[in-house]
């Protein structure tokens, strides 16, 4: 008599059921946190830009008037000024960083 090794159809269905239940529990939890993740990413980007504005002020002794000024002087890699959630950053005349509340 041969000893056949392998999984039965019932065992495979149980494994697939467990995996499906885990996915059903996990996916909505991940998607509900995406807006929180984007918000935190925007806050971090604002802090980065504010730090670069301060560095620009110390070096040039005048505040930058736009994100393009920071990019042109090598303080930022990109001057598009968009957060991960689509909100747009801008710099006012005094060098303060502001974020628009409306996204794309």
N, C-alpha and C. Protein backbone atom coordinates (compact mmCIF):
# COMPACT_ATOMS: atom_id res chain seq x y z
N UNK A 1 0.83 -1.17 0.00
CA UNK A 1 0.00 0.00 0.00
C UNK A 1 0.88 1.24 0.00
N UNK A 2 0.63 2.17 -0.92
CA UNK A 2 1.42 3.39 -1.04
C UNK A 2 0.91 4.45 -0.08
N UNK A 3 1.86 5.21 0.47
CA UNK A 3 1.50 6.33 1.35
C UNK A 3 1.52 7.59 0.49
N UNK A 4 0.35 8.07 0.10
CA UNK A 4 0.26 9.26 -0.75
C UNK A 4 0.22 10.50 0.14
N UNK A 5 1.13 11.42 -0.16
CA UNK A 5 1.20 12.65 0.61
C UNK A 5 0.61 13.78 -0.22
N UNK A 6 -0.06 14.70 0.46
CA UNK A 6 -0.65 15.85 -0.22
C UNK A 6 -1.81 16.38 0.58
N UNK A 7 -2.42 17.41 0.02
CA UNK A 7 -3.55 18.04 0.70
C UNK A 7 -4.85 17.56 0.07
N UNK A 8 -5.85 17.40 0.89
CA UNK A 8 -7.17 17.07 0.36
C UNK A 8 -7.87 18.35 -0.07
N UNK A 9 -8.93 18.18 -0.80
CA UNK A 9 -9.70 19.34 -1.27
C UNK A 9 -10.27 20.13 -0.09
N UNK A 10 -10.71 19.46 0.94
CA UNK A 10 -11.26 20.12 2.13
C UNK A 10 -10.18 20.96 2.81
N UNK A 11 -8.98 20.44 2.95
CA UNK A 11 -7.89 21.19 3.59
C UNK A 11 -7.56 22.45 2.79
N UNK A 12 -7.53 22.32 1.47
CA UNK A 12 -7.25 23.49 0.62
C UNK A 12 -8.35 24.54 0.74
N UNK A 13 -9.61 24.11 0.82
CA UNK A 13 -10.72 25.04 0.95
C UNK A 13 -10.67 25.76 2.31
N UNK A 14 -10.27 25.05 3.35
CA UNK A 14 -10.15 25.67 4.67
C UNK A 14 -9.06 26.74 4.65
N UNK A 15 -7.94 26.45 4.03
CA UNK A 15 -6.85 27.42 3.94
C UNK A 15 -7.31 28.65 3.15
N UNK A 16 -7.99 28.45 2.04
CA UNK A 16 -8.49 29.58 1.25
C UNK A 16 -9.52 30.39 2.03
N UNK A 17 -10.35 29.72 2.83
CA UNK A 17 -11.32 30.41 3.65
C UNK A 17 -10.63 31.30 4.69
N UNK A 18 -9.59 30.79 5.33
CA UNK A 18 -8.86 31.57 6.33
C UNK A 18 -8.19 32.78 5.68
N UNK A 19 -7.57 32.58 4.54
CA UNK A 19 -6.93 33.69 3.82
C UNK A 19 -7.96 34.73 3.42
N UNK A 20 -9.11 34.29 2.94
CA UNK A 20 -10.17 35.23 2.53
C UNK A 20 -10.67 36.05 3.72
N UNK A 21 -10.86 35.40 4.87
CA UNK A 21 -11.32 36.12 6.05
C UNK A 21 -10.28 37.16 6.47
N UNK A 22 -9.00 36.81 6.43
CA UNK A 22 -7.95 37.77 6.78
C UNK A 22 -7.94 38.96 5.83
N UNK A 23 -8.14 38.71 4.54
CA UNK A 23 -8.18 39.81 3.57
C UNK A 23 -9.40 40.70 3.79
N UNK A 24 -10.53 40.09 4.10
CA UNK A 24 -11.75 40.87 4.33
C UNK A 24 -11.58 41.78 5.54
N UNK A 25 -10.86 41.32 6.53
CA UNK A 25 -10.64 42.12 7.73
C UNK A 25 -9.59 43.21 7.48
N UNK A 26 -8.55 42.90 6.73
CA UNK A 26 -7.40 43.79 6.57
C UNK A 26 -7.63 44.92 5.57
N UNK A 27 -8.20 44.63 4.42
CA UNK A 27 -8.31 45.63 3.34
C UNK A 27 -9.10 46.87 3.75
N UNK A 28 -10.29 46.76 4.35
CA UNK A 28 -10.98 47.99 4.75
C UNK A 28 -10.20 48.79 5.79
N UNK A 29 -9.47 48.12 6.65
CA UNK A 29 -8.68 48.81 7.68
C UNK A 29 -7.58 49.63 7.03
N UNK A 30 -6.95 49.09 6.02
CA UNK A 30 -5.87 49.80 5.32
C UNK A 30 -6.43 51.00 4.56
N UNK A 31 -7.54 50.81 3.86
CA UNK A 31 -8.09 51.90 3.07
C UNK A 31 -8.64 53.03 3.94
N UNK A 32 -9.09 52.71 5.14
CA UNK A 32 -9.60 53.77 6.02
C UNK A 32 -8.47 54.65 6.57
N UNK A 33 -7.26 54.13 6.58
CA UNK A 33 -6.14 54.91 7.10
C UNK A 33 -5.40 55.70 6.02
N UNK A 34 -5.75 55.53 4.76
CA UNK A 34 -5.01 56.21 3.70
C UNK A 34 -5.14 57.73 3.79
N UNK A 35 -6.31 58.25 4.16
CA UNK A 35 -6.44 59.70 4.27
C UNK A 35 -5.61 60.24 5.43
N UNK A 36 -5.52 59.47 6.51
CA UNK A 36 -4.68 59.87 7.65
C UNK A 36 -3.21 59.87 7.25
N UNK A 37 -2.81 58.89 6.47
CA UNK A 37 -1.42 58.81 6.00
C UNK A 37 -1.09 60.01 5.11
N UNK A 38 -2.00 60.35 4.19
CA UNK A 38 -1.77 61.50 3.31
C UNK A 38 -1.71 62.80 4.10
N UNK A 39 -2.55 62.93 5.13
CA UNK A 39 -2.54 64.13 5.96
C UNK A 39 -1.21 64.27 6.69
N UNK A 40 -0.71 63.18 7.25
CA UNK A 40 0.58 63.21 7.94
C UNK A 40 1.71 63.52 6.96
N UNK A 41 1.61 63.00 5.75
CA UNK A 41 2.62 63.29 4.73
C UNK A 41 2.63 64.77 4.37
N UNK A 42 1.46 65.38 4.32
CA UNK A 42 1.37 66.80 4.01
C UNK A 42 1.97 67.63 5.15
N UNK A 43 1.66 67.25 6.38
CA UNK A 43 2.23 67.97 7.53
C UNK A 43 3.76 67.91 7.51
N UNK A 44 4.29 66.74 7.18
CA UNK A 44 5.75 66.59 7.13
C UNK A 44 6.35 67.44 6.01
N UNK A 45 5.67 67.48 4.86
CA UNK A 45 6.16 68.28 3.74
C UNK A 45 6.15 69.77 4.08
N UNK A 46 5.10 70.22 4.77
CA UNK A 46 5.03 71.62 5.19
C UNK A 46 6.19 71.95 6.11
N UNK A 47 6.49 71.07 7.06
CA UNK A 47 7.62 71.29 7.98
C UNK A 47 8.93 71.36 7.21
N UNK A 48 9.09 70.51 6.20
CA UNK A 48 10.30 70.53 5.39
C UNK A 48 10.44 71.86 4.66
N UNK A 49 9.36 72.32 4.05
CA UNK A 49 9.41 73.59 3.31
C UNK A 49 9.67 74.75 4.27
N UNK A 50 9.04 74.72 5.45
CA UNK A 50 9.29 75.78 6.44
C UNK A 50 10.75 75.81 6.86
N UNK A 51 11.35 74.65 7.03
CA UNK A 51 12.77 74.59 7.39
C UNK A 51 13.64 75.16 6.27
N UNK A 52 13.27 74.87 5.03
CA UNK A 52 14.05 75.38 3.90
C UNK A 52 13.86 76.90 3.75
N UNK A 53 12.68 77.38 4.09
CA UNK A 53 12.45 78.84 4.08
C UNK A 53 13.36 79.51 5.10
N UNK A 54 13.47 78.92 6.28
CA UNK A 54 14.35 79.49 7.32
C UNK A 54 15.81 79.46 6.87
N UNK A 55 16.23 78.37 6.24
CA UNK A 55 17.61 78.29 5.75
C UNK A 55 17.86 79.35 4.66
N UNK A 56 16.88 79.53 3.78
CA UNK A 56 16.99 80.54 2.73
C UNK A 56 17.11 81.94 3.36
N UNK A 57 16.28 82.21 4.38
CA UNK A 57 16.33 83.52 5.06
C UNK A 57 17.70 83.76 5.69
N UNK A 58 18.26 82.73 6.31
CA UNK A 58 19.57 82.90 6.96
C UNK A 58 20.66 83.14 5.92
N UNK A 59 20.60 82.43 4.80
CA UNK A 59 21.63 82.57 3.77
C UNK A 59 21.50 83.87 2.97
N UNK A 60 20.30 84.20 2.56
CA UNK A 60 20.08 85.34 1.66
C UNK A 60 19.68 86.62 2.39
N UNK A 61 19.35 86.51 3.68
CA UNK A 61 18.91 87.63 4.51
C UNK A 61 17.62 88.29 4.01
N UNK A 62 16.83 87.53 3.27
CA UNK A 62 15.52 87.96 2.81
C UNK A 62 14.67 86.71 2.60
N UNK A 63 13.38 86.78 2.88
CA UNK A 63 12.56 85.58 2.70
C UNK A 63 12.29 85.30 1.22
N UNK A 64 12.10 84.02 0.88
CA UNK A 64 11.73 83.70 -0.51
C UNK A 64 10.29 84.14 -0.76
N UNK A 65 9.98 84.48 -1.99
CA UNK A 65 8.61 84.90 -2.31
C UNK A 65 7.79 83.78 -2.93
N UNK A 66 8.45 82.68 -3.32
CA UNK A 66 7.72 81.57 -3.91
C UNK A 66 8.52 80.29 -3.76
N UNK A 67 7.87 79.18 -4.06
CA UNK A 67 8.57 77.90 -4.03
C UNK A 67 9.61 77.83 -5.15
N UNK A 68 9.37 78.55 -6.23
CA UNK A 68 10.34 78.59 -7.33
C UNK A 68 11.66 79.21 -6.88
N UNK A 69 11.59 80.19 -5.97
CA UNK A 69 12.82 80.77 -5.42
C UNK A 69 13.63 79.71 -4.68
N UNK A 70 12.93 78.90 -3.89
CA UNK A 70 13.62 77.83 -3.14
C UNK A 70 14.23 76.82 -4.08
N UNK A 71 13.50 76.47 -5.14
CA UNK A 71 14.03 75.50 -6.10
C UNK A 71 15.22 76.08 -6.85
N UNK A 72 15.09 77.32 -7.28
CA UNK A 72 16.17 77.96 -8.04
C UNK A 72 17.46 78.08 -7.23
N UNK A 73 17.34 78.25 -5.92
CA UNK A 73 18.51 78.37 -5.06
C UNK A 73 19.01 77.02 -4.56
N UNK A 74 18.33 75.95 -4.96
CA UNK A 74 18.78 74.60 -4.59
C UNK A 74 18.27 74.11 -3.24
N UNK A 75 17.26 74.76 -2.67
CA UNK A 75 16.74 74.35 -1.37
C UNK A 75 15.67 73.26 -1.49
N UNK A 76 15.00 73.21 -2.64
CA UNK A 76 14.00 72.18 -2.91
C UNK A 76 14.28 71.53 -4.26
N UNK A 77 13.93 70.25 -4.38
CA UNK A 77 14.12 69.58 -5.66
C UNK A 77 13.00 69.92 -6.65
N UNK A 78 11.80 70.16 -6.13
CA UNK A 78 10.66 70.42 -7.00
C UNK A 78 9.92 71.65 -6.49
N UNK A 79 9.39 72.44 -7.41
CA UNK A 79 8.65 73.64 -6.99
C UNK A 79 7.15 73.48 -7.23
N UNK A 80 6.68 72.24 -7.47
CA UNK A 80 5.24 72.08 -7.71
C UNK A 80 4.44 72.31 -6.42
N UNK A 81 5.02 72.04 -5.25
CA UNK A 81 4.40 72.37 -3.98
C UNK A 81 3.12 71.64 -3.68
N UNK A 82 3.02 70.38 -4.09
CA UNK A 82 1.80 69.62 -3.83
C UNK A 82 2.04 68.58 -2.75
N UNK A 83 1.08 68.48 -1.84
CA UNK A 83 1.09 67.45 -0.80
C UNK A 83 0.60 66.12 -1.40
N UNK A 84 0.83 65.01 -0.70
CA UNK A 84 0.31 63.72 -1.18
C UNK A 84 -1.21 63.70 -1.31
N UNK A 85 -1.91 64.52 -0.53
CA UNK A 85 -3.37 64.53 -0.61
C UNK A 85 -3.89 65.56 -1.62
N UNK A 86 -3.01 66.21 -2.36
CA UNK A 86 -3.40 67.12 -3.42
C UNK A 86 -3.45 68.58 -3.04
N UNK A 87 -3.33 68.89 -1.76
CA UNK A 87 -3.34 70.30 -1.35
C UNK A 87 -2.06 70.98 -1.84
N UNK A 88 -2.16 72.29 -2.07
CA UNK A 88 -1.05 73.04 -2.66
C UNK A 88 -0.45 73.99 -1.63
N UNK A 89 0.88 74.01 -1.58
CA UNK A 89 1.60 74.91 -0.68
C UNK A 89 1.94 76.20 -1.42
N UNK A 90 2.01 77.28 -0.66
CA UNK A 90 2.47 78.55 -1.22
C UNK A 90 3.22 79.31 -0.14
N UNK A 91 3.99 80.29 -0.58
CA UNK A 91 4.76 81.13 0.34
C UNK A 91 4.30 82.56 0.13
N UNK A 92 3.98 83.25 1.24
CA UNK A 92 3.56 84.65 1.12
C UNK A 92 4.78 85.57 1.12
N UNK A 93 4.54 86.85 1.06
CA UNK A 93 5.61 87.84 0.95
C UNK A 93 6.55 87.81 2.16
N UNK A 94 6.01 87.48 3.34
CA UNK A 94 6.83 87.44 4.55
C UNK A 94 7.58 86.11 4.71
N UNK A 95 7.33 85.16 3.82
CA UNK A 95 8.02 83.88 3.89
C UNK A 95 7.26 82.81 4.66
N UNK A 96 6.00 83.06 4.99
CA UNK A 96 5.19 82.07 5.71
C UNK A 96 4.62 81.06 4.73
N UNK A 97 4.67 79.79 5.10
CA UNK A 97 4.16 78.71 4.25
C UNK A 97 2.69 78.50 4.58
N UNK A 98 1.85 78.51 3.55
CA UNK A 98 0.43 78.27 3.72
C UNK A 98 0.01 77.09 2.86
N UNK A 99 -1.06 76.41 3.29
CA UNK A 99 -1.57 75.25 2.57
C UNK A 99 -3.01 75.52 2.19
N UNK A 100 -3.35 75.31 0.91
CA UNK A 100 -4.74 75.47 0.49
C UNK A 100 -5.55 74.31 1.04
N UNK A 101 -6.77 74.58 1.42
CA UNK A 101 -7.62 73.53 2.00
C UNK A 101 -8.35 72.71 0.97
N UNK A 102 -8.29 73.11 -0.28
CA UNK A 102 -8.96 72.35 -1.34
C UNK A 102 -7.93 71.59 -2.12
N UNK A 103 -8.21 70.31 -2.34
CA UNK A 103 -7.32 69.47 -3.12
C UNK A 103 -7.78 69.39 -4.55
N UNK A 104 -7.08 68.57 -5.36
CA UNK A 104 -7.46 68.39 -6.75
C UNK A 104 -8.65 67.50 -6.87
